Amino acid sequence: MDGDPGPLVDPGPLLRPFALRAGRPPEPASPRPSGRAPAGPLTAVRAADPADAGTEPYPEPAAVLRACARPRRVLDLAADLGLPLGVVRHLVRDLTREGRLVECPPPAADDRAVLERLREGLRAL
């Protein structure tokens, strides 16, 4: 043995989810949506100004803004960015409050094309 400690172990991310949320605990689920509730996982958002990501000093909000150049669901953002869903929900809520993200309306339930795709998907099961 020459004193080699062996392979280095990856300590994991340097910033924990608690730090990325600025120390705020997760908010309890509410039956009614409000301005305080984090965005739902299926909520679609887009950047109000895609160039805004270049002015963001923190990497996580900048990554969210870059990824939202086109409408994206919160769940997809979390998966693509490799961040916990709870963290992404809080980041999206904060960026929406600041007017940097805009919530996209869901497709109308009576939209025939959506209903046809749903029916075909159910048939495929």
C-alpha atoms as a PDB file:
ATOM      1  CA  MET A   1       0.000   0.000   0.000  1.00  0.00           C
ATOM      2  CA  ASP A   2       1.456   3.291  -1.047  1.00  0.00           C
ATOM      3  CA  GLY A   3      -1.101   5.451   0.790  1.00  0.00           C
ATOM      4  CA  ASP A   4      -3.414   5.732  -2.236  1.00  0.00           C
ATOM      5  CA  PRO A   5      -6.947   6.282  -0.872  1.00  0.00           C
ATOM      6  CA  GLY A   6      -8.468   4.562  -3.898  1.00  0.00           C
ATOM      7  CA  PRO A   7     -10.916   6.031  -6.366  1.00  0.00           C
ATOM      8  CA  LEU A   8     -12.548   9.290  -5.421  1.00  0.00           C
ATOM      9  CA  VAL A   9     -16.206   9.027  -4.514  1.00  0.00           C
ATOM     10  CA  ASP A  10     -18.583  11.539  -6.074  1.00  0.00           C
ATOM     11  CA  PRO A  11     -20.020  13.490  -3.131  1.00  0.00           C
ATOM     12  CA  GLY A  12     -23.123  14.368  -5.122  1.00  0.00           C
ATOM     13  CA  PRO A  13     -24.428  17.792  -6.012  1.00  0.00           C
ATOM     14  CA  LEU A  14     -22.903  20.659  -4.090  1.00  0.00           C
ATOM     15  CA  LEU A  15     -26.209  22.442  -3.599  1.00  0.00           C
ATOM     16  CA  ARG A  16     -28.995  20.499  -1.985  1.00  0.00           C
ATOM     17  CA  PRO A  17     -32.656  21.043  -2.985  1.00  0.00           C
ATOM     18  CA  PHE A  18     -33.258  22.942   0.260  1.00  0.00           C
ATOM     19  CA  ALA A  19     -30.638  25.523  -0.769  1.00  0.00           C
ATOM     20  CA  LEU A  20     -32.040  25.830  -4.292  1.00  0.00           C
ATOM     21  CA  ARG A  21     -35.433  26.717  -2.791  1.00  0.00           C
ATOM     22  CA  ALA A  22     -33.737  29.448  -0.730  1.00  0.00           C
ATOM     23  CA  GLY A  23     -34.573  27.523   2.433  1.00  0.00           C
ATOM     24  CA  ARG A  24     -38.333  27.571   1.874  1.00  0.00           C
ATOM     25  CA  PRO A  25     -40.053  24.331   2.862  1.00  0.00           C
ATOM     26  CA  PRO A  26     -42.435  22.685   0.387  1.00  0.00           C
ATOM     27  CA  GLU A  27     -45.877  24.228   0.569  1.00  0.00           C
ATOM     28  CA  PRO A  28     -48.825  21.984   1.402  1.00  0.00           C
ATOM     29  CA  ALA A  29     -51.082  20.961  -1.438  1.00  0.00           C
ATOM     30  CA  SER A  30     -54.165  23.109  -1.721  1.00  0.00           C
ATOM     31  CA  PRO A  31     -57.468  22.070  -3.301  1.00  0.00           C
ATOM     32  CA  ARG A  32     -57.691  25.512  -4.910  1.00  0.00           C
ATOM     33  CA  PRO A  33     -54.886  26.948  -7.025  1.00  0.00           C
ATOM     34  CA  SER A  34     -53.453  30.181  -5.689  1.00  0.00           C
ATOM     35  CA  GLY A  35     -50.560  32.482  -6.382  1.00  0.00           C
ATOM     36  CA  ARG A  36     -48.684  30.873  -3.478  1.00  0.00           C
ATOM     37  CA  ALA A  37     -48.979  27.268  -4.621  1.00  0.00           C
ATOM     38  CA  PRO A  38     -46.113  25.835  -6.668  1.00  0.00           C
ATOM     39  CA  ALA A  39     -46.887  24.999 -10.267  1.00  0.00           C
ATOM     40  CA  GLY A  40     -48.455  21.602 -10.856  1.00  0.00           C
ATOM     41  CA  PRO A  41     -46.347  18.975 -12.637  1.00  0.00           C
ATOM     42  CA  LEU A  42     -48.513  19.105 -15.776  1.00  0.00           C
ATOM     43  CA  THR A  43     -48.595  22.905 -15.962  1.00  0.00           C
ATOM     44  CA  ALA A  44     -47.047  24.177 -19.190  1.00  0.00           C
ATOM     45  CA  VAL A  45     -44.953  27.350 -19.068  1.00  0.00           C
ATOM     46  CA  ARG A  46     -42.907  29.363 -21.538  1.00  0.00           C
ATOM     47  CA  ALA A  47     -40.359  32.137 -21.134  1.00  0.00           C
ATOM     48  CA  ALA A  48     -41.795  35.635 -21.504  1.00  0.00           C
ATOM     49  CA  ASP A  49     -38.468  36.645 -23.095  1.00  0.00           C
ATOM     50  CA  PRO A  50     -36.150  33.739 -24.033  1.00  0.00           C
ATOM     51  CA  ALA A  51     -33.145  36.104 -24.062  1.00  0.00           C
ATOM     52  CA  ASP A  52     -33.771  36.728 -20.345  1.00  0.00           C
ATOM     53  CA  ALA A  53     -31.756  33.598 -19.470  1.00  0.00           C
ATOM     54  CA  GLY A  54     -28.541  35.434 -20.345  1.00  0.00           C
ATOM     55  CA  THR A  55     -29.094  37.980 -17.574  1.00  0.00           C
ATOM     56  CA  GLU A  56     -29.842  35.420 -14.830  1.00  0.00           C
ATOM     57  CA  PRO A  57     -26.879  35.080 -12.422  1.00  0.00           C
ATOM     58  CA  TYR A  58     -27.956  31.699 -10.973  1.00  0.00           C
ATOM     59  CA  PRO A  59     -27.562  28.573 -13.140  1.00  0.00           C
ATOM     60  CA  GLU A  60     -30.791  26.760 -12.209  1.00  0.00           C
ATOM     61  CA  PRO A  61     -33.251  29.581 -13.046  1.00  0.00           C
ATOM     62  CA  ALA A  62     -31.207  30.330 -16.181  1.00  0.00           C
ATOM     63  CA  ALA A  63     -31.521  26.680 -17.253  1.00  0.00           C
ATOM     64  CA  VAL A  64     -35.297  26.803 -16.695  1.00  0.00           C
ATOM     65  CA  LEU A  65     -35.580  29.992 -18.770  1.00  0.00           C
ATOM     66  CA  ARG A  66     -33.464  28.531 -21.592  1.00  0.00           C
ATOM     67  CA  ALA A  67     -35.489  25.316 -21.616  1.00  0.00           C
ATOM     68  CA  CYS A  68     -38.742  27.294 -21.766  1.00  0.00           C
ATOM     69  CA  ALA A  69     -38.032  29.029 -25.072  1.00  0.00           C
ATOM     70  CA  ARG A  70     -41.040  26.981 -26.194  1.00  0.00           C
ATOM     71  CA  PRO A  71     -43.858  25.784 -23.888  1.00  0.00           C
ATOM     72  CA  ARG A  72     -42.729  23.015 -21.544  1.00  0.00           C
ATOM     73  CA  ARG A  73     -44.454  21.069 -18.782  1.00  0.00           C
ATOM     74  CA  VAL A  74     -42.973  21.339 -15.312  1.00  0.00           C
ATOM     75  CA  LEU A  75     -42.553  17.560 -15.111  1.00  0.00           C
ATOM     76  CA  ASP A  76     -40.563  17.517 -18.365  1.00  0.00           C
ATOM     77  CA  LEU A  77     -38.390  20.400 -17.130  1.00  0.00           C
ATOM     78  CA  ALA A  78     -37.488  18.468 -13.988  1.00  0.00           C
ATOM     79  CA  ALA A  79     -36.585  15.364 -15.985  1.00  0.00           C
ATOM     80  CA  ASP A  80     -34.570  17.229 -18.615  1.00  0.00           C
ATOM     81  CA  LEU A  81     -32.694  19.427 -16.129  1.00  0.00           C
ATOM     82  CA  GLY A  82     -32.020  16.607 -13.660  1.00  0.00           C
ATOM     83  CA  LEU A  83     -33.492  18.597 -10.771  1.00  0.00           C
ATOM     84  CA  PRO A  84     -36.031  17.367  -8.212  1.00  0.00           C
ATOM     85  CA  LEU A  85     -39.625  18.094  -9.206  1.00  0.00           C
ATOM     86  CA  GLY A  86     -40.264  20.065  -5.997  1.00  0.00           C
ATOM     87  CA  VAL A  87     -37.339  22.370  -6.739  1.00  0.00           C
ATOM     88  CA  VAL A  88     -38.451  22.961 -10.324  1.00  0.00           C
ATOM     89  CA  ARG A  89     -41.998  23.699  -9.135  1.00  0.00           C
ATOM     90  CA  HIS A  90     -40.669  26.375  -6.781  1.00  0.00           C
ATOM     91  CA  LEU A  91     -38.362  27.850  -9.425  1.00  0.00           C
ATOM     92  CA  VAL A  92     -41.242  27.988 -11.906  1.00  0.00           C
ATOM     93  CA  ARG A  93     -43.497  29.627  -9.324  1.00  0.00           C
ATOM     94  CA  ASP A  94     -40.872  32.256  -8.506  1.00  0.00           C
ATOM     95  CA  LEU A  95     -40.110  32.986 -12.161  1.00  0.00           C
ATOM     96  CA  THR A  96     -43.844  33.232 -12.909  1.00  0.00           C
ATOM     97  CA  ARG A  97     -44.323  35.707 -10.044  1.00  0.00           C
ATOM     98  CA  GLU A  98     -41.498  37.805 -11.469  1.00  0.00           C
ATOM     99  CA  GLY A  99     -43.188  37.777 -14.894  1.00  0.00           C
ATOM    100  CA  ARG A 100     -40.288  35.920 -16.509  1.00  0.00           C
ATOM    101  CA  LEU A 101     -42.359  32.781 -17.193  1.00  0.00           C
ATOM    102  CA  VAL A 102     -45.902  32.721 -18.524  1.00  0.00           C
ATOM    103  CA  GLU A 103     -48.316  29.894 -17.829  1.00  0.00           C
ATOM    104  CA  CYS A 104     -49.753  28.388 -21.011  1.00  0.00           C
ATOM    105  CA  PRO A 105     -53.452  27.534 -20.997  1.00  0.00           C
ATOM    106  CA  PRO A 106     -54.249  23.819 -21.244  1.00  0.00           C
ATOM    107  CA  PRO A 107     -55.885  22.616 -24.446  1.00  0.00           C
ATOM    108  CA  ALA A 108     -59.653  22.889 -24.422  1.00  0.00           C
ATOM    109  CA  ALA A 109     -61.323  19.691 -23.231  1.00  0.00           C
ATOM    110  CA  ASP A 110     -63.797  19.839 -26.099  1.00  0.00           C
ATOM    111  CA  ASP A 111     -61.044  19.998 -28.719  1.00  0.00           C
ATOM    112  CA  ARG A 112     -61.883  17.120 -31.035  1.00  0.00           C
ATOM    113  CA  ALA A 113     -58.250  16.440 -31.962  1.00  0.00           C
ATOM    114  CA  VAL A 114     -57.293  15.980 -28.300  1.00  0.00           C
ATOM    115  CA  LEU A 115     -60.221  13.655 -27.704  1.00  0.00           C
ATOM    116  CA  GLU A 116     -59.325  11.631 -30.805  1.00  0.00           C
ATOM    117  CA  ARG A 117     -55.708  11.234 -29.642  1.00  0.00           C
ATOM    118  CA  LEU A 118     -56.949  10.158 -26.213  1.00  0.00           C
ATOM    119  CA  ARG A 119     -59.272   7.589 -27.741  1.00  0.00           C
ATOM    120  CA  GLU A 120     -56.508   6.194 -29.963  1.00  0.00           C
ATOM    121  CA  GLY A 121     -54.153   6.000 -26.980  1.00  0.00           C
ATOM    122  CA  LEU A 122     -56.731   4.084 -24.946  1.00  0.00           C
ATOM    123  CA  ARG A 123     -57.344   1.743 -27.840  1.00  0.00           C
ATOM    124  CA  ALA A 124     -53.639   1.020 -28.084  1.00  0.00           C
ATOM    125  CA  LEU A 125     -53.665  -0.250 -24.502  1.00  0.00           C
END
